Amino acid sequence: MLTAHLLATSTVGAGTPTTDRVIATAAAVVALAGVIIGGLALVRPTSRAGAGSRGAVAALVAAVIGVVAGGFVIVTADGGPGTGNGIVGGYAAVVLGLTGAVLGGSALARTRRPRRA
């Protein structure tokens, strides 16, 4: 019985979109947007008052959404990679989300520092 169970776990094709894969991919894309926005907020000078903090906050929000959605996919996955549960995309979303949170947090901290005279 154990052999039949192991053979039956991977019945989804590699390119078949499942609900879990779509959610994991969307979470990874949102987290990637957080990385991009956070990177731009960190490297761009704040020429207007409040412009840098909006980008940093947007990066943090996107990063948190990516981490939460990716974590949800990881927690609810029934199997490993290749089973159609989106586990790889979930881990990618968590890693990208944490990276975006670090970049957005750094950009936000930079905008909160008092300017030198």
C-alpha atoms as a PDB file:
ATOM      1  CA  MET A   1       0.000   0.000   0.000  1.00  0.00           C
ATOM      2  CA  LEU A   2       2.852   2.397   0.743  1.00  0.00           C
ATOM      3  CA  THR A   3       4.307   1.980  -2.763  1.00  0.00           C
ATOM      4  CA  ALA A   4       0.947   2.702  -4.389  1.00  0.00           C
ATOM      5  CA  HIS A   5       0.592   5.831  -2.259  1.00  0.00           C
ATOM      6  CA  LEU A   6       4.029   7.097  -3.258  1.00  0.00           C
ATOM      7  CA  LEU A   7       3.346   6.490  -6.934  1.00  0.00           C
ATOM      8  CA  ALA A   8      -0.008   8.279  -6.773  1.00  0.00           C
ATOM      9  CA  THR A   9       1.277  11.477  -5.110  1.00  0.00           C
ATOM     10  CA  SER A  10       2.680  13.054  -8.280  1.00  0.00           C
ATOM     11  CA  THR A  11      -0.254  12.882 -10.665  1.00  0.00           C
ATOM     12  CA  VAL A  12      -0.086  16.542 -11.722  1.00  0.00           C
ATOM     13  CA  GLY A  13       2.020  17.454 -14.722  1.00  0.00           C
ATOM     14  CA  ALA A  14       4.928  19.839 -14.373  1.00  0.00           C
ATOM     15  CA  GLY A  15       3.258  22.571 -16.399  1.00  0.00           C
ATOM     16  CA  THR A  16      -0.273  22.119 -15.146  1.00  0.00           C
ATOM     17  CA  PRO A  17      -1.513  25.194 -13.287  1.00  0.00           C
ATOM     18  CA  THR A  18      -3.178  24.305 -10.011  1.00  0.00           C
ATOM     19  CA  THR A  19      -4.819  26.662  -7.542  1.00  0.00           C
ATOM     20  CA  ASP A  20      -1.900  26.370  -5.142  1.00  0.00           C
ATOM     21  CA  ARG A  21       0.617  27.045  -7.899  1.00  0.00           C
ATOM     22  CA  VAL A  22      -1.302  30.121  -9.033  1.00  0.00           C
ATOM     23  CA  ILE A  23      -1.499  31.482  -5.480  1.00  0.00           C
ATOM     24  CA  ALA A  24       2.213  30.805  -4.921  1.00  0.00           C
ATOM     25  CA  THR A  25       3.137  32.459  -8.202  1.00  0.00           C
ATOM     26  CA  ALA A  26       1.007  35.512  -7.425  1.00  0.00           C
ATOM     27  CA  ALA A  27       2.598  35.745  -3.972  1.00  0.00           C
ATOM     28  CA  ALA A  28       6.070  35.541  -5.501  1.00  0.00           C
ATOM     29  CA  VAL A  29       5.220  38.263  -8.046  1.00  0.00           C
ATOM     30  CA  VAL A  30       3.875  40.566  -5.325  1.00  0.00           C
ATOM     31  CA  ALA A  31       6.970  39.908  -3.208  1.00  0.00           C
ATOM     32  CA  LEU A  32       9.187  40.607  -6.229  1.00  0.00           C
ATOM     33  CA  ALA A  33       7.374  43.911  -6.687  1.00  0.00           C
ATOM     34  CA  GLY A  34       8.225  44.664  -3.056  1.00  0.00           C
ATOM     35  CA  VAL A  35      11.895  43.972  -3.764  1.00  0.00           C
ATOM     36  CA  ILE A  36      11.887  46.228  -6.823  1.00  0.00           C
ATOM     37  CA  ILE A  37      10.025  49.062  -5.104  1.00  0.00           C
ATOM     38  CA  GLY A  38      12.210  48.756  -2.009  1.00  0.00           C
ATOM     39  CA  GLY A  39      15.366  48.840  -4.086  1.00  0.00           C
ATOM     40  CA  LEU A  40      14.193  51.913  -5.960  1.00  0.00           C
ATOM     41  CA  ALA A  41      13.171  53.644  -2.736  1.00  0.00           C
ATOM     42  CA  LEU A  42      16.570  52.884  -1.260  1.00  0.00           C
ATOM     43  CA  VAL A  43      18.707  54.126  -4.147  1.00  0.00           C
ATOM     44  CA  ARG A  44      16.659  57.098  -5.324  1.00  0.00           C
ATOM     45  CA  PRO A  45      17.229  60.378  -3.576  1.00  0.00           C
ATOM     46  CA  THR A  46      14.185  61.896  -1.908  1.00  0.00           C
ATOM     47  CA  SER A  47      13.751  65.092  -3.858  1.00  0.00           C
ATOM     48  CA  ARG A  48      10.175  65.694  -2.683  1.00  0.00           C
ATOM     49  CA  ALA A  49       8.991  65.602   0.875  1.00  0.00           C
ATOM     50  CA  GLY A  50       7.476  62.199   1.631  1.00  0.00           C
ATOM     51  CA  ALA A  51       8.234  60.643  -1.769  1.00  0.00           C
ATOM     52  CA  GLY A  52      10.781  58.204  -0.372  1.00  0.00           C
ATOM     53  CA  SER A  53       8.621  57.109   2.520  1.00  0.00           C
ATOM     54  CA  ARG A  54       5.699  56.221   0.229  1.00  0.00           C
ATOM     55  CA  GLY A  55       7.878  53.867  -1.788  1.00  0.00           C
ATOM     56  CA  ALA A  56       9.308  52.328   1.359  1.00  0.00           C
ATOM     57  CA  VAL A  57       5.851  51.746   2.825  1.00  0.00           C
ATOM     58  CA  ALA A  58       4.617  50.292  -0.472  1.00  0.00           C
ATOM     59  CA  ALA A  59       7.597  47.924  -0.497  1.00  0.00           C
ATOM     60  CA  LEU A  60       6.877  46.834   3.072  1.00  0.00           C
ATOM     61  CA  VAL A  61       3.207  46.217   2.326  1.00  0.00           C
ATOM     62  CA  ALA A  62       3.975  44.172  -0.804  1.00  0.00           C
ATOM     63  CA  ALA A  63       6.663  42.232   1.056  1.00  0.00           C
ATOM     64  CA  VAL A  64       4.364  41.361   3.950  1.00  0.00           C
ATOM     65  CA  ILE A  65       1.608  40.245   1.560  1.00  0.00           C
ATOM     66  CA  GLY A  66       4.119  38.039  -0.266  1.00  0.00           C
ATOM     67  CA  VAL A  67       5.444  36.491   2.947  1.00  0.00           C
ATOM     68  CA  VAL A  68       1.977  35.811   4.360  1.00  0.00           C
ATOM     69  CA  ALA A  69       0.615  34.298   1.134  1.00  0.00           C
ATOM     70  CA  GLY A  70       3.775  32.268   0.551  1.00  0.00           C
ATOM     71  CA  GLY A  71       3.730  31.041   4.134  1.00  0.00           C
ATOM     72  CA  PHE A  72       0.098  30.035   3.740  1.00  0.00           C
ATOM     73  CA  VAL A  73       0.969  27.961   0.675  1.00  0.00           C
ATOM     74  CA  ILE A  74       3.872  26.320   2.510  1.00  0.00           C
ATOM     75  CA  VAL A  75       1.788  25.469   5.568  1.00  0.00           C
ATOM     76  CA  THR A  76      -1.102  24.012   3.581  1.00  0.00           C
ATOM     77  CA  ALA A  77       1.018  22.017   1.102  1.00  0.00           C
ATOM     78  CA  ASP A  78       0.440  18.269   1.160  1.00  0.00           C
ATOM     79  CA  GLY A  79       3.615  17.286  -0.640  1.00  0.00           C
ATOM     80  CA  GLY A  80       6.975  18.469  -1.866  1.00  0.00           C
ATOM     81  CA  PRO A  81       8.167  19.916  -5.149  1.00  0.00           C
ATOM     82  CA  GLY A  82       6.445  18.550  -8.232  1.00  0.00           C
ATOM     83  CA  THR A  83       3.186  17.586  -6.529  1.00  0.00           C
ATOM     84  CA  GLY A  84       1.218  20.623  -7.687  1.00  0.00           C
ATOM     85  CA  ASN A  85       1.053  22.217  -4.241  1.00  0.00           C
ATOM     86  CA  GLY A  86       3.089  25.314  -5.124  1.00  0.00           C
ATOM     87  CA  ILE A  87       5.698  24.684  -2.465  1.00  0.00           C
ATOM     88  CA  VAL A  88       8.568  26.048  -4.563  1.00  0.00           C
ATOM     89  CA  GLY A  89       6.682  29.249  -5.349  1.00  0.00           C
ATOM     90  CA  GLY A  90       5.737  29.569  -1.677  1.00  0.00           C
ATOM     91  CA  TYR A  91       9.372  29.411  -0.593  1.00  0.00           C
ATOM     92  CA  ALA A  92      10.327  31.876  -3.344  1.00  0.00           C
ATOM     93  CA  ALA A  93       7.624  34.259  -2.132  1.00  0.00           C
ATOM     94  CA  VAL A  94       8.879  34.057   1.450  1.00  0.00           C
ATOM     95  CA  VAL A  95      12.509  34.684   0.464  1.00  0.00           C
ATOM     96  CA  LEU A  96      11.614  37.547  -1.881  1.00  0.00           C
ATOM     97  CA  GLY A  97       9.213  38.994   0.685  1.00  0.00           C
ATOM     98  CA  LEU A  98      11.844  39.009   3.408  1.00  0.00           C
ATOM     99  CA  THR A  99      14.293  40.659   1.015  1.00  0.00           C
ATOM    100  CA  GLY A 100      11.708  43.294   0.104  1.00  0.00           C
ATOM    101  CA  ALA A 101      10.986  43.915   3.790  1.00  0.00           C
ATOM    102  CA  VAL A 102      14.667  44.503   4.500  1.00  0.00           C
ATOM    103  CA  LEU A 103      14.998  46.895   1.554  1.00  0.00           C
ATOM    104  CA  GLY A 104      11.769  48.729   2.378  1.00  0.00           C
ATOM    105  CA  GLY A 105      12.666  48.947   6.055  1.00  0.00           C
ATOM    106  CA  SER A 106      16.111  50.319   5.227  1.00  0.00           C
ATOM    107  CA  ALA A 107      14.604  52.909   2.901  1.00  0.00           C
ATOM    108  CA  LEU A 108      12.038  53.884   5.533  1.00  0.00           C
ATOM    109  CA  ALA A 109      14.720  54.219   8.188  1.00  0.00           C
ATOM    110  CA  ARG A 110      16.738  56.414   5.848  1.00  0.00           C
ATOM    111  CA  THR A 111      13.799  58.746   5.270  1.00  0.00           C
ATOM    112  CA  ARG A 112      13.197  59.048   9.035  1.00  0.00           C
ATOM    113  CA  ARG A 113      16.728  60.263   9.821  1.00  0.00           C
ATOM    114  CA  PRO A 114      17.084  63.953  10.520  1.00  0.00           C
ATOM    115  CA  ARG A 115      18.828  65.844   7.743  1.00  0.00           C
ATOM    116  CA  ARG A 116      22.192  67.424   8.424  1.00  0.00           C
ATOM    117  CA  ALA A 117      22.482  71.165   8.153  1.00  0.00           C
END
